Amino acid sequence: MVGRMEGLILSLALLAGTVTASAGGKYGPGATDTEILIGQTNPYSGPLSSYGTQGRAQTAYYAMINEQGGVNGRKIRLISLDDSYSPPKTVEHHRRLVESDEVLGVVGTMGTPTNSAIVKYMNAKSVPHIFLASGASKWGDFKSSPWTMGWYPTYRSEGNIYGAYIRDNMKDAKIAILSQNDDYGKDFVAGFKAGLGEAADKLIVKELTYEVSEPTIDSQIVTLKASGANVLFSASTAKAAAQTIKKAGELDWHPTHFLVQNANSISTVLAPAGLNHAVGLISTAYIKDPVDPQFADDEGMKWYLAFMKKYYPDGDVKDPQNQIGVSIAATFVQVLKQCGNDLTRENVMKQANSIRDLELPLLLPGIKLNTGVEDHYPIEQFQLVKFDGKTWARFGDVLKSN
């Protein structure tokens, strides 16, 4: 008798479409009867190297799919190159992937400034540039960039949720903002101010930025505290987020702190900063937290822990970047299943635009992926969470982004 765990693994195999296809299909660059070649870049070195684990998790997921027989009998080969989160390197590597390696498409490239550097090139070459590890709202511009699609809920929409929450629930708010000085930070801040509405200029008392290459942002935190703010919005990445939490605690500054989801990992951000300093943080979530007791018996979480143990034993199961990487890869595998034996770049994009109510093992209950030719935002739902010293506790309803 197949147990519950085995049943979940079987369902995932069916999701991947691991039924051997008859030889002979319609192929574009990077596809044959036996192989599907895709590419991406990730920051395996440099200031955001902690996010490179996403690429490793995706590689591990494809290894699992290949071990199960591949997708429609074809093995997936991922070329994942290190761009150090440097846009010039991203451009160089993607030219190689498209013009030399001749990949079928680019899947899961990390970063907003890095993807911004290649979006025009990828669309000019008519190469799928999809499920990007970035929540920039620009990836939904299907008119200018029909070959591009994000994966995350958008940064602008997430920022909007925080701003609206403050507007509706916090009287006498005096807001300080710290953001990364690039498209990533600017998108969050634009959404945040839109959520605050007409009162934004009155409520925001200080706004500072930082460069991703800065070794520390301690001086910015000192300045923000001196502003008299009682609310802090951090539109940052992991390293700066940890430094912010730690320095605020050392300064005995305790504003209501809103921290973006992309930098709210307990193991890689909150723990290094000091969990005692992180109590009361507010963020959002759309994936299940491995340390949350409510998911201890969750079948999707059981599958994930078993997957990590076998295919990526060096990966931190508590790091949400690994869950995101796995989920991005699983989304692409679904697209390949829908492609059948038509593995042209045109059909890959057609199927990426045709995702309907896709549920993945690691997403929160009620969150489903949907896309369309005029809807390049696969995930448009998330939930507010608050850190209680041990885990992120969900509160309120699942929210639909605007």
Protein backbone atom coordinates (compact mmCIF):
# COMPACT_ATOMS: atom_id res chain seq x y z
CA MET A 1 0.00 0.00 0.00
CA VAL A 2 1.39 3.39 -0.98
CA GLY A 3 1.85 5.59 2.11
CA ARG A 4 1.06 9.27 2.32
CA MET A 5 4.69 10.27 1.73
CA GLU A 6 5.07 7.98 -1.25
CA GLY A 7 1.78 9.28 -2.61
CA LEU A 8 3.03 12.86 -2.50
CA ILE A 9 6.26 11.93 -4.30
CA LEU A 10 4.17 10.12 -6.92
CA SER A 11 1.99 13.19 -7.40
CA LEU A 12 5.07 15.35 -7.84
CA ALA A 13 6.38 12.93 -10.43
CA LEU A 14 3.09 13.21 -12.29
CA LEU A 15 3.31 16.99 -12.07
CA ALA A 16 6.70 16.71 -13.74
CA GLY A 17 5.20 14.63 -16.51
CA THR A 18 7.78 11.87 -16.32
CA VAL A 19 6.11 9.74 -18.98
CA THR A 20 8.47 8.72 -21.76
CA ALA A 21 7.64 10.51 -25.00
CA SER A 22 7.90 8.97 -28.42
CA ALA A 23 11.00 10.06 -30.30
CA GLY A 24 10.62 12.93 -32.68
CA GLY A 25 9.36 16.32 -31.62
CA LYS A 26 9.34 19.92 -32.74
CA TYR A 27 12.51 21.49 -31.43
CA GLY A 28 14.11 24.88 -31.09
CA PRO A 29 17.62 25.67 -29.82
CA GLY A 30 18.58 23.72 -26.69
CA ALA A 31 16.13 20.85 -27.13
CA THR A 32 16.48 17.34 -28.54
CA ASP A 33 14.83 13.95 -28.16
CA THR A 34 16.92 13.40 -25.03
CA GLU A 35 17.82 16.77 -23.50
CA ILE A 36 16.49 20.21 -22.58
CA LEU A 37 19.21 22.83 -22.07
CA ILE A 38 18.44 25.98 -20.06
CA GLY A 39 20.56 28.68 -18.46
CA GLN A 40 20.64 31.34 -15.77
CA THR A 41 22.97 33.41 -13.59
CA ASN A 42 23.12 33.55 -9.80
CA PRO A 43 25.36 35.43 -7.33
CA TYR A 44 27.55 32.56 -6.16
CA SER A 45 30.15 35.14 -5.09
CA GLY A 46 30.04 38.81 -4.14
CA PRO A 47 27.92 40.79 -1.68
CA LEU A 48 24.73 38.75 -2.21
CA SER A 49 26.34 35.31 -2.39
CA SER A 50 23.93 33.97 0.23
CA TYR A 51 21.22 34.08 -2.44
CA GLY A 52 23.23 31.79 -4.71
CA THR A 53 21.74 28.84 -2.87
CA GLN A 54 18.65 29.31 -5.04
CA GLY A 55 20.61 28.16 -8.09
CA ARG A 56 21.96 25.15 -6.22
CA ALA A 57 18.45 24.20 -5.09
CA GLN A 58 17.19 24.41 -8.67
CA THR A 59 20.06 22.24 -9.89
CA ALA A 60 19.19 19.69 -7.21
CA TYR A 61 15.51 19.69 -8.19
CA TYR A 62 16.32 19.04 -11.83
CA ALA A 63 18.64 16.22 -10.73
CA MET A 64 15.69 14.64 -8.94
CA ILE A 65 13.47 15.01 -12.01
CA ASN A 66 16.17 13.50 -14.22
CA GLU A 67 16.56 10.57 -11.85
CA GLN A 68 12.82 9.96 -12.18
CA GLY A 69 13.17 9.82 -15.97
CA GLY A 70 13.06 13.50 -16.90
CA VAL A 71 10.15 15.38 -18.43
CA ASN A 72 8.49 13.45 -21.24
CA GLY A 73 11.64 11.33 -21.40
CA ARG A 74 14.05 14.26 -21.72
CA LYS A 75 16.68 15.20 -19.12
CA ILE A 76 17.04 18.82 -18.03
CA ARG A 77 20.52 20.36 -18.06
CA LEU A 78 20.94 23.70 -16.33
CA ILE A 79 23.95 25.95 -16.97
CA SER A 80 24.07 28.22 -13.92
CA LEU A 81 26.80 30.88 -14.06
CA ASP A 82 28.15 33.19 -11.37
CA ASP A 83 27.54 36.88 -12.09
CA SER A 84 28.41 38.13 -8.57
CA TYR A 85 25.25 40.30 -8.78
CA SER A 86 27.15 42.48 -11.25
CA PRO A 87 25.01 43.58 -14.25
CA PRO A 88 27.96 43.70 -16.71
CA LYS A 89 28.77 40.08 -15.87
CA THR A 90 25.09 39.17 -16.22
CA VAL A 91 25.09 40.61 -19.74
CA GLU A 92 28.29 38.78 -20.69
CA HIS A 93 27.04 35.43 -19.37
CA HIS A 94 23.63 35.68 -21.03
CA ARG A 95 25.19 36.48 -24.39
CA ARG A 96 27.17 33.28 -23.97
CA LEU A 97 24.08 31.29 -22.96
CA VAL A 98 22.06 32.51 -25.94
CA GLU A 99 24.67 32.80 -28.67
CA SER A 100 27.19 30.08 -27.77
CA ASP A 101 25.39 27.51 -25.62
CA GLU A 102 22.11 28.13 -27.49
CA VAL A 103 19.83 27.42 -24.53
CA LEU A 104 16.11 26.83 -24.98
CA GLY A 105 15.47 29.58 -22.46
CA VAL A 106 16.68 31.38 -19.35
CA VAL A 107 14.93 30.34 -16.13
CA GLY A 108 15.41 31.71 -12.62
CA THR A 109 18.12 34.34 -13.13
CA MET A 110 18.59 36.20 -9.84
CA GLY A 111 18.21 39.89 -9.18
CA THR A 112 16.48 43.08 -10.26
CA PRO A 113 19.44 45.16 -11.53
CA THR A 114 20.94 42.08 -13.18
CA ASN A 115 17.77 41.14 -15.05
CA SER A 116 17.21 44.79 -15.92
CA ALA A 117 20.54 44.73 -17.75
CA ILE A 118 19.46 41.89 -20.06
CA VAL A 119 15.70 42.29 -20.53
CA LYS A 120 15.94 44.20 -23.82
CA TYR A 121 18.52 41.77 -25.19
CA MET A 122 16.49 38.69 -24.27
CA ASN A 123 13.35 40.09 -25.87
CA ALA A 124 15.21 41.23 -28.99
CA LYS A 125 16.48 37.64 -29.35
CA SER A 126 13.00 36.19 -28.63
CA VAL A 127 14.36 33.90 -25.92
CA PRO A 128 12.17 32.92 -22.92
CA HIS A 129 13.40 34.93 -19.92
CA ILE A 130 11.11 33.54 -17.27
CA PHE A 131 10.44 32.85 -13.58
CA LEU A 132 13.02 35.43 -12.58
CA ALA A 133 14.17 35.52 -8.96
CA SER A 134 13.01 39.10 -8.64
CA GLY A 135 9.78 40.78 -7.70
CA ALA A 136 10.21 43.93 -9.78
CA SER A 137 6.88 45.05 -11.18
CA LYS A 138 8.50 45.77 -14.57
CA TRP A 139 8.50 42.03 -15.37
CA GLY A 140 4.76 42.31 -15.87
CA ASP A 141 5.19 44.68 -18.81
CA PHE A 142 3.99 42.15 -21.37
CA LYS A 143 3.75 44.75 -24.12
CA SER A 144 7.38 45.85 -24.01
CA SER A 145 8.81 42.53 -22.77
CA PRO A 146 6.58 39.67 -23.95
CA TRP A 147 9.37 37.10 -23.48
CA THR A 148 9.97 38.07 -19.82
CA MET A 149 8.09 36.89 -16.73
CA GLY A 150 8.84 37.16 -13.03
CA TRP A 151 8.00 34.62 -10.33
CA TYR A 152 7.92 36.41 -6.96
CA PRO A 153 4.99 38.51 -5.79
CA THR A 154 5.99 42.00 -6.87
CA TYR A 155 8.04 44.23 -4.60
CA ARG A 156 5.75 47.14 -5.39
CA SER A 157 2.67 45.20 -4.28
CA GLU A 158 4.37 43.99 -1.12
CA GLY A 159 5.45 47.53 -0.25
CA ASN A 160 1.90 48.69 -0.90
CA ILE A 161 0.57 46.21 1.66
CA TYR A 162 2.89 47.55 4.38
CA GLY A 163 2.02 51.16 3.60
CA ALA A 164 -1.71 50.46 3.62
CA TYR A 165 -1.40 48.57 6.92
CA ILE A 166 0.36 51.52 8.56
CA ARG A 167 -2.16 53.98 7.11
CA ASP A 168 -5.11 51.98 8.42
CA ASN A 169 -3.79 50.70 11.73
CA MET A 170 -1.08 52.97 13.18
CA LYS A 171 -1.90 56.41 14.49
CA ASP A 172 0.87 58.99 14.95
CA ALA A 173 3.31 57.00 12.81
CA LYS A 174 6.67 58.67 12.16
CA ILE A 175 8.29 56.60 9.44
CA ALA A 176 11.94 56.05 8.55
CA ILE A 177 12.87 54.21 5.35
CA LEU A 178 16.08 52.36 4.51
CA SER A 179 16.31 50.96 0.98
CA GLN A 180 18.84 49.40 -1.34
CA ASN A 181 19.86 52.00 -3.91
CA ASP A 182 18.77 50.21 -7.08
CA ASP A 183 15.60 49.13 -8.85
CA TYR A 184 14.96 46.53 -6.12
CA GLY A 185 14.76 49.11 -3.34
CA LYS A 186 13.04 51.75 -5.47
CA ASP A 187 10.20 49.38 -6.39
CA PHE A 188 9.49 48.56 -2.74
CA VAL A 189 9.56 52.22 -1.71
CA ALA A 190 7.28 53.30 -4.56
CA GLY A 191 4.70 50.71 -3.52
CA PHE A 192 5.09 51.61 0.15
CA LYS A 193 4.44 55.30 -0.50
CA ALA A 194 1.46 54.46 -2.68
CA GLY A 195 0.03 52.38 0.17
CA LEU A 196 0.45 55.30 2.59
CA GLY A 197 -1.51 57.44 0.16
CA GLU A 198 -1.77 61.21 0.36
CA ALA A 199 -0.32 61.23 3.87
CA ALA A 200 3.04 59.78 2.75
CA ASP A 201 5.00 63.05 2.77
CA LYS A 202 3.66 63.91 6.22
CA LEU A 203 4.30 60.47 7.75
CA ILE A 204 7.83 59.88 6.39
CA VAL A 205 10.37 61.77 8.51
CA LYS A 206 13.60 60.33 7.09
CA GLU A 207 14.59 58.31 4.05
CA LEU A 208 18.06 56.86 3.39
CA THR A 209 19.60 54.40 0.95
CA TYR A 210 22.65 52.14 0.92
CA GLU A 211 24.80 50.59 -1.78
CA VAL A 212 24.92 46.81 -1.95
CA SER A 213 28.73 47.01 -1.86
CA GLU A 214 28.84 48.90 1.46
CA PRO A 215 30.43 46.78 4.21
CA THR A 216 28.11 48.17 6.88
CA ILE A 217 25.01 50.36 7.14
CA ASP A 218 25.49 51.23 10.83
CA SER A 219 25.76 54.97 10.14
CA GLN A 220 22.42 54.98 8.34
CA ILE A 221 20.72 53.30 11.32
CA VAL A 222 22.18 55.87 13.71
CA THR A 223 20.84 58.67 11.50
CA LEU A 224 17.41 57.05 11.17
CA LYS A 225 17.09 56.64 14.92
CA ALA A 226 18.00 60.30 15.42
CA SER A 227 15.06 61.27 13.19
CA GLY A 228 12.65 60.34 15.97
CA ALA A 229 10.92 57.69 13.84
CA ASN A 230 8.77 55.10 15.58
CA VAL A 231 8.25 53.01 12.40
CA LEU A 232 11.02 51.58 10.20
CA PHE A 233 10.57 50.16 6.71
CA SER A 234 13.54 48.11 5.47
CA ALA A 235 13.60 47.49 1.73
CA SER A 236 16.86 45.58 1.91
CA THR A 237 18.55 42.29 1.18
CA ALA A 238 19.83 39.76 3.71
CA LYS A 239 23.16 41.25 4.84
CA ALA A 240 21.85 44.78 5.30
CA ALA A 241 18.68 43.48 6.97
CA ALA A 242 20.70 41.57 9.59
CA GLN A 243 22.88 44.60 10.23
CA THR A 244 19.81 46.83 10.59
CA ILE A 245 18.13 44.58 13.14
CA LYS A 246 21.32 44.14 15.14
CA LYS A 247 22.31 47.81 15.17
CA ALA A 248 18.82 49.00 16.10
CA GLY A 249 18.88 46.59 19.03
CA GLU A 250 22.31 47.78 20.15
CA LEU A 251 21.06 51.37 20.01
CA ASP A 252 18.02 50.39 22.09
CA TRP A 253 15.83 51.64 19.24
CA HIS A 254 12.57 49.71 18.97
CA PRO A 255 10.41 51.06 16.15
CA THR A 256 7.67 48.94 14.61
CA HIS A 257 9.88 47.37 11.98
CA PHE A 258 8.53 46.23 8.59
CA LEU A 259 10.98 43.95 6.82
CA VAL A 260 10.52 42.73 3.25
CA GLN A 261 9.92 39.03 2.69
CA ASN A 262 13.06 38.58 0.59
CA ALA A 263 15.18 39.31 3.66
CA ASN A 264 13.20 37.70 6.50
CA SER A 265 14.96 34.34 6.82
CA ILE A 266 15.18 33.25 10.45
CA SER A 267 18.40 31.28 9.93
CA THR A 268 20.33 33.67 7.67
CA VAL A 269 19.06 37.07 8.83
CA LEU A 270 17.26 37.05 12.17
CA ALA A 271 19.50 34.58 14.01
CA PRO A 272 22.77 36.35 13.07
CA ALA A 273 21.19 39.66 14.11
CA GLY A 274 19.95 38.22 17.42
CA LEU A 275 16.47 36.77 17.74
CA ASN A 276 15.82 38.97 20.78
CA HIS A 277 16.30 42.03 18.57
CA ALA A 278 13.88 40.64 15.96
CA VAL A 279 10.80 40.13 18.13
CA GLY A 280 7.86 42.07 16.75
CA LEU A 281 9.14 42.36 13.18
CA ILE A 282 6.35 42.42 10.58
CA SER A 283 6.80 40.91 7.13
CA THR A 284 4.90 38.88 4.55
CA ALA A 285 4.95 35.22 3.55
CA TYR A 286 3.78 33.07 0.67
CA ILE A 287 5.81 29.94 1.39
CA LYS A 288 5.65 27.58 4.34
CA ASP A 289 8.19 28.06 7.12
CA PRO A 290 10.10 24.82 7.91
CA VAL A 291 10.44 25.80 11.57
CA ASP A 292 6.75 26.59 12.01
CA PRO A 293 5.19 23.84 14.19
CA GLN A 294 1.92 24.04 12.24
CA PHE A 295 3.70 22.50 9.24
CA ALA A 296 5.34 19.66 11.19
CA ASP A 297 2.97 17.10 9.66
CA ASP A 298 2.47 18.86 6.34
CA GLU A 299 3.02 16.48 3.43
CA GLY A 300 4.67 19.12 1.29
CA MET A 301 7.12 19.94 4.06
CA LYS A 302 7.88 16.28 4.66
CA TRP A 303 8.64 15.90 0.97
CA TYR A 304 10.88 18.98 1.00
CA LEU A 305 12.92 17.81 3.98
CA ALA A 306 13.42 14.39 2.37
CA PHE A 307 14.34 16.05 -0.95
CA MET A 308 16.94 18.31 0.68
CA LYS A 309 18.48 15.44 2.60
CA LYS A 310 18.96 13.39 -0.57
CA TYR A 311 19.64 15.94 -3.29
CA TYR A 312 21.04 19.01 -1.52
CA PRO A 313 22.40 17.86 1.86
CA ASP A 314 24.65 20.92 2.21
CA GLY A 315 21.69 23.27 1.83
CA ASP A 316 20.02 24.88 4.84
CA VAL A 317 16.45 23.61 5.01
CA LYS A 318 15.53 26.67 7.09
CA ASP A 319 16.65 29.11 4.39
CA PRO A 320 13.58 30.18 2.38
CA GLN A 321 15.79 30.84 -0.65
CA ASN A 322 16.05 27.08 -1.10
CA GLN A 323 12.29 26.70 -1.02
CA ILE A 324 11.97 29.47 -3.60
CA GLY A 325 14.58 27.82 -5.82
CA VAL A 326 12.79 24.48 -5.66
CA SER A 327 9.44 26.15 -6.40
CA ILE A 328 10.81 28.08 -9.39
CA ALA A 329 12.20 24.84 -10.82
CA ALA A 330 8.92 23.03 -10.18
CA THR A 331 7.03 25.78 -12.00
CA PHE A 332 9.28 25.40 -15.03
CA VAL A 333 8.89 21.63 -15.00
CA GLN A 334 5.12 22.16 -15.17
CA VAL A 335 5.64 24.35 -18.24
CA LEU A 336 7.75 21.63 -19.86
CA LYS A 337 5.03 19.08 -19.17
CA GLN A 338 2.52 21.34 -20.91
CA CYS A 339 4.90 21.74 -23.86
CA GLY A 340 4.75 18.03 -24.65
CA ASN A 341 6.91 17.37 -27.72
CA ASP A 342 6.79 20.96 -28.99
CA LEU A 343 9.97 22.31 -27.42
CA THR A 344 10.38 25.52 -29.32
CA ARG A 345 11.04 28.83 -27.63
CA GLU A 346 7.66 30.03 -28.88
CA ASN A 347 5.80 27.16 -27.25
CA VAL A 348 7.73 27.46 -24.00
CA MET A 349 6.54 31.06 -23.77
CA LYS A 350 3.01 30.08 -24.80
CA GLN A 351 2.85 27.50 -22.00
CA ALA A 352 4.43 29.87 -19.46
CA ASN A 353 1.51 32.15 -20.29
CA SER A 354 -0.96 29.31 -19.69
CA ILE A 355 -0.51 28.30 -16.04
CA ARG A 356 -3.84 27.65 -14.33
CA ASP A 357 -4.31 27.31 -10.54
CA LEU A 358 -0.95 25.60 -10.03
CA GLU A 359 -0.45 24.54 -6.42
CA LEU A 360 3.09 23.77 -5.27
CA PRO A 361 4.08 21.77 -2.17
CA LEU A 362 5.86 24.65 -0.41
CA LEU A 363 3.40 27.50 -0.96
CA LEU A 364 1.02 28.52 1.81
CA PRO A 365 -2.48 27.06 1.61
CA GLY A 366 -4.69 29.02 -0.76
CA ILE A 367 -1.86 30.45 -2.85
CA LYS A 368 -1.97 29.35 -6.49
CA LEU A 369 -0.05 30.33 -9.62
CA ASN A 370 -1.90 31.75 -12.61
CA THR A 371 -0.57 33.45 -15.73
CA GLY A 372 -1.78 34.78 -19.07
CA VAL A 373 -0.51 36.59 -22.13
CA GLU A 374 -1.41 39.82 -20.32
CA ASP A 375 -0.65 38.53 -16.81
CA HIS A 376 3.05 37.96 -16.18
CA TYR A 377 2.69 37.86 -12.39
CA PRO A 378 2.45 34.15 -11.41
CA ILE A 379 2.05 34.83 -7.68
CA GLU A 380 -0.21 37.65 -6.56
CA GLN A 381 -1.06 36.55 -3.02
CA PHE A 382 0.72 36.69 0.31
CA GLN A 383 0.02 37.06 4.02
CA LEU A 384 1.21 39.35 6.80
CA VAL A 385 3.33 37.67 9.50
CA LYS A 386 4.89 38.78 12.79
CA PHE A 387 8.01 37.32 14.43
CA ASP A 388 7.32 36.08 17.97
CA GLY A 389 10.88 35.18 18.93
CA LYS A 390 10.74 31.68 17.51
CA THR A 391 8.81 31.76 14.26
CA TRP A 392 6.76 33.93 11.92
CA ALA A 393 3.12 33.90 13.07
CA ARG A 394 0.54 34.55 10.35
CA PHE A 395 -2.22 37.06 11.01
CA GLY A 396 -5.14 38.26 8.95
CA ASP A 397 -6.30 36.85 5.62
CA VAL A 398 -4.40 35.89 2.49
CA LEU A 399 -4.10 39.18 0.63
CA LYS A 400 -4.38 39.76 -3.09
CA SER A 401 -1.90 42.23 -4.49
CA ASN A 402 -3.06 45.09 -6.69
